[in-house]
Amino acid sequence: MISFDLPFATTLSSETWLVLLLTLHTLVGTAGALLAASKGRNLKLWLLLGITCGTAALLVALVMKPRQPSGRY
């Protein structure tokens, strides 16, 4: 079995780990939403996707092509 010696890992409670992971998840998802919005996508929809899907939303937003203008007025 592989064991990692992380000195700070034993000093943090499980509640603290949960808060840290959820915060990181939300920040990554928000970054994905902002990236998608910069590519012409709906910010509210992508915020919802980003907060619920986190890293997956960021990865999809990274590979997504920018939306082309429709040309209509």
N, C-alpha and C. Protein backbone atom coordinates (compact mmCIF):
# COMPACT_ATOMS: atom_id res chain seq x y z
N MET A 1 0.84 -1.17 0.00
CA MET A 1 0.00 0.00 0.00
C MET A 1 0.89 1.24 0.00
N ILE A 2 0.50 2.24 -0.79
CA ILE A 2 1.25 3.48 -0.87
C ILE A 2 0.77 4.42 0.23
N SER A 3 1.71 5.01 0.91
CA SER A 3 1.36 5.93 1.99
C SER A 3 2.07 7.26 1.74
N PHE A 4 1.31 8.33 1.88
CA PHE A 4 1.88 9.66 1.72
C PHE A 4 2.01 10.30 3.08
N ASP A 5 3.14 10.90 3.34
CA ASP A 5 3.37 11.56 4.62
C ASP A 5 3.06 13.04 4.47
N LEU A 6 1.84 13.43 4.80
CA LEU A 6 1.43 14.82 4.74
C LEU A 6 1.25 15.33 6.16
N PRO A 7 2.17 16.13 6.65
CA PRO A 7 2.10 16.55 8.04
C PRO A 7 0.84 17.33 8.39
N PHE A 8 0.29 18.10 7.43
CA PHE A 8 -0.90 18.88 7.73
C PHE A 8 -2.18 18.05 7.65
N ALA A 9 -2.13 16.90 7.01
CA ALA A 9 -3.33 16.09 6.80
C ALA A 9 -3.90 15.57 8.11
N THR A 10 -3.06 15.26 9.06
CA THR A 10 -3.57 14.71 10.31
C THR A 10 -4.08 15.80 11.25
N THR A 11 -3.71 17.04 10.99
CA THR A 11 -4.14 18.11 11.89
C THR A 11 -5.48 18.71 11.49
N LEU A 12 -5.96 18.42 10.28
CA LEU A 12 -7.24 18.97 9.83
C LEU A 12 -8.37 17.98 10.11
N SER A 13 -9.47 18.50 10.59
CA SER A 13 -10.63 17.65 10.87
C SER A 13 -11.34 17.30 9.55
N SER A 14 -12.20 16.33 9.61
CA SER A 14 -12.94 15.93 8.41
C SER A 14 -13.86 17.05 7.92
N GLU A 15 -14.39 17.84 8.85
CA GLU A 15 -15.25 18.96 8.46
C GLU A 15 -14.44 20.01 7.70
N THR A 16 -13.22 20.24 8.14
CA THR A 16 -12.36 21.21 7.46
C THR A 16 -12.01 20.72 6.06
N TRP A 17 -11.70 19.43 5.92
CA TRP A 17 -11.43 18.86 4.60
C TRP A 17 -12.63 19.02 3.69
N LEU A 18 -13.82 18.78 4.21
CA LEU A 18 -15.04 18.90 3.41
C LEU A 18 -15.21 20.33 2.92
N VAL A 19 -15.02 21.29 3.81
CA VAL A 19 -15.15 22.70 3.43
C VAL A 19 -14.11 23.07 2.38
N LEU A 20 -12.88 22.62 2.54
CA LEU A 20 -11.83 22.91 1.56
C LEU A 20 -12.15 22.31 0.20
N LEU A 21 -12.59 21.06 0.18
CA LEU A 21 -12.91 20.41 -1.09
C LEU A 21 -14.12 21.06 -1.77
N LEU A 22 -15.14 21.40 -1.01
CA LEU A 22 -16.31 22.05 -1.61
C LEU A 22 -15.98 23.44 -2.12
N THR A 23 -15.11 24.15 -1.41
CA THR A 23 -14.69 25.47 -1.86
C THR A 23 -13.90 25.37 -3.16
N LEU A 24 -12.98 24.43 -3.22
CA LEU A 24 -12.21 24.23 -4.44
C LEU A 24 -13.11 23.80 -5.59
N HIS A 25 -14.05 22.91 -5.33
CA HIS A 25 -15.01 22.46 -6.34
C HIS A 25 -15.79 23.65 -6.90
N THR A 26 -16.26 24.52 -6.01
CA THR A 26 -17.04 25.68 -6.43
C THR A 26 -16.19 26.67 -7.22
N LEU A 27 -14.96 26.90 -6.80
CA LEU A 27 -14.08 27.82 -7.53
C LEU A 27 -13.75 27.31 -8.93
N VAL A 28 -13.48 26.03 -9.05
CA VAL A 28 -13.20 25.44 -10.35
C VAL A 28 -14.43 25.53 -11.25
N GLY A 29 -15.59 25.24 -10.69
CA GLY A 29 -16.83 25.34 -11.46
C GLY A 29 -17.14 26.75 -11.90
N THR A 30 -16.89 27.71 -11.03
CA THR A 30 -17.10 29.12 -11.38
C THR A 30 -16.15 29.54 -12.48
N ALA A 31 -14.92 29.09 -12.43
CA ALA A 31 -13.96 29.39 -13.50
C ALA A 31 -14.45 28.82 -14.83
N GLY A 32 -15.01 27.62 -14.80
CA GLY A 32 -15.58 27.03 -16.01
C GLY A 32 -16.75 27.84 -16.54
N ALA A 33 -17.59 28.33 -15.63
CA ALA A 33 -18.75 29.14 -16.03
C ALA A 33 -18.30 30.46 -16.66
N LEU A 34 -17.31 31.10 -16.07
CA LEU A 34 -16.80 32.35 -16.62
C LEU A 34 -16.14 32.14 -17.98
N LEU A 35 -15.44 31.04 -18.13
CA LEU A 35 -14.83 30.72 -19.42
C LEU A 35 -15.90 30.47 -20.48
N ALA A 36 -16.93 29.72 -20.12
CA ALA A 36 -18.03 29.46 -21.07
C ALA A 36 -18.74 30.75 -21.45
N ALA A 37 -18.95 31.63 -20.47
CA ALA A 37 -19.60 32.92 -20.75
C ALA A 37 -18.74 33.76 -21.69
N SER A 38 -17.42 33.68 -21.54
CA SER A 38 -16.54 34.45 -22.43
C SER A 38 -16.59 33.89 -23.86
N LYS A 39 -17.06 32.68 -24.00
CA LYS A 39 -17.21 32.07 -25.32
C LYS A 39 -18.63 32.21 -25.86
N GLY A 40 -19.43 33.06 -25.22
CA GLY A 40 -20.77 33.37 -25.72
C GLY A 40 -21.88 32.48 -25.20
N ARG A 41 -21.63 31.74 -24.14
CA ARG A 41 -22.66 30.85 -23.58
C ARG A 41 -23.41 31.55 -22.44
N ASN A 42 -24.52 30.97 -22.02
CA ASN A 42 -25.38 31.52 -20.99
C ASN A 42 -24.70 31.39 -19.62
N LEU A 43 -24.41 32.53 -18.99
CA LEU A 43 -23.69 32.53 -17.72
C LEU A 43 -24.48 31.85 -16.61
N LYS A 44 -25.78 32.12 -16.50
CA LYS A 44 -26.59 31.52 -15.43
C LYS A 44 -26.62 29.99 -15.55
N LEU A 45 -26.81 29.49 -16.74
CA LEU A 45 -26.82 28.05 -16.95
C LEU A 45 -25.46 27.44 -16.60
N TRP A 46 -24.40 28.08 -17.03
CA TRP A 46 -23.07 27.55 -16.77
C TRP A 46 -22.65 27.69 -15.32
N LEU A 47 -23.18 28.69 -14.61
CA LEU A 47 -22.92 28.76 -13.17
C LEU A 47 -23.56 27.57 -12.47
N LEU A 48 -24.78 27.24 -12.87
CA LEU A 48 -25.45 26.07 -12.29
C LEU A 48 -24.66 24.79 -12.62
N LEU A 49 -24.26 24.65 -13.87
CA LEU A 49 -23.46 23.48 -14.26
C LEU A 49 -22.12 23.47 -13.54
N GLY A 50 -21.49 24.61 -13.43
CA GLY A 50 -20.19 24.69 -12.79
C GLY A 50 -20.23 24.34 -11.32
N ILE A 51 -21.24 24.82 -10.62
CA ILE A 51 -21.34 24.54 -9.19
C ILE A 51 -21.69 23.08 -8.94
N THR A 52 -22.50 22.49 -9.80
CA THR A 52 -22.88 21.09 -9.59
C THR A 52 -21.86 20.11 -10.16
N CYS A 53 -21.20 20.47 -11.25
CA CYS A 53 -20.30 19.52 -11.92
C CYS A 53 -18.82 19.83 -11.72
N GLY A 54 -18.49 21.03 -11.26
CA GLY A 54 -17.11 21.38 -10.93
C GLY A 54 -16.12 21.20 -12.05
N THR A 55 -15.19 20.29 -11.87
CA THR A 55 -14.09 20.09 -12.81
C THR A 55 -14.59 19.68 -14.20
N ALA A 56 -15.64 18.89 -14.26
CA ALA A 56 -16.18 18.46 -15.56
C ALA A 56 -16.65 19.66 -16.36
N ALA A 57 -17.30 20.62 -15.71
CA ALA A 57 -17.77 21.82 -16.41
C ALA A 57 -16.58 22.64 -16.94
N LEU A 58 -15.53 22.72 -16.15
CA LEU A 58 -14.33 23.45 -16.60
C LEU A 58 -13.72 22.76 -17.81
N LEU A 59 -13.61 21.45 -17.78
CA LEU A 59 -13.03 20.73 -18.91
C LEU A 59 -13.86 20.89 -20.18
N VAL A 60 -15.18 20.84 -20.05
CA VAL A 60 -16.05 21.02 -21.22
C VAL A 60 -15.90 22.45 -21.75
N ALA A 61 -15.86 23.43 -20.86
CA ALA A 61 -15.72 24.82 -21.28
C ALA A 61 -14.37 25.05 -21.97
N LEU A 62 -13.34 24.34 -21.54
CA LEU A 62 -12.03 24.51 -22.17
C LEU A 62 -12.01 24.02 -23.61
N VAL A 63 -12.70 22.93 -23.91
CA VAL A 63 -12.67 22.37 -25.26
C VAL A 63 -13.79 22.91 -26.15
N MET A 64 -14.73 23.63 -25.57
CA MET A 64 -15.87 24.15 -26.32
C MET A 64 -15.42 25.30 -27.23
N LYS A 65 -15.94 25.31 -28.45
CA LYS A 65 -15.62 26.39 -29.38
C LYS A 65 -16.48 27.61 -29.08
N PRO A 66 -15.95 28.80 -29.36
CA PRO A 66 -16.77 30.01 -29.16
C PRO A 66 -17.99 30.01 -30.06
N ARG A 67 -19.07 30.57 -29.54
CA ARG A 67 -20.32 30.66 -30.32
C ARG A 67 -20.15 31.73 -31.39
N GLN A 68 -20.56 31.39 -32.61
CA GLN A 68 -20.48 32.33 -33.73
C GLN A 68 -21.68 33.28 -33.69
N PRO A 69 -21.46 34.55 -34.00
CA PRO A 69 -22.59 35.48 -34.07
C PRO A 69 -23.58 35.02 -35.14
N SER A 70 -24.86 35.18 -34.86
CA SER A 70 -25.89 34.69 -35.78
C SER A 70 -26.04 35.58 -37.01
N GLY A 71 -25.66 36.84 -36.92
CA GLY A 71 -25.79 37.73 -38.06
C GLY A 71 -27.15 38.40 -38.15
N ARG A 72 -28.07 38.02 -37.26
CA ARG A 72 -29.41 38.64 -37.25
C ARG A 72 -29.41 39.85 -36.33
N TYR A 73 -30.31 40.79 -36.63
CA TYR A 73 -30.43 41.98 -35.79
C TYR A 73 -31.78 42.10 -35.21
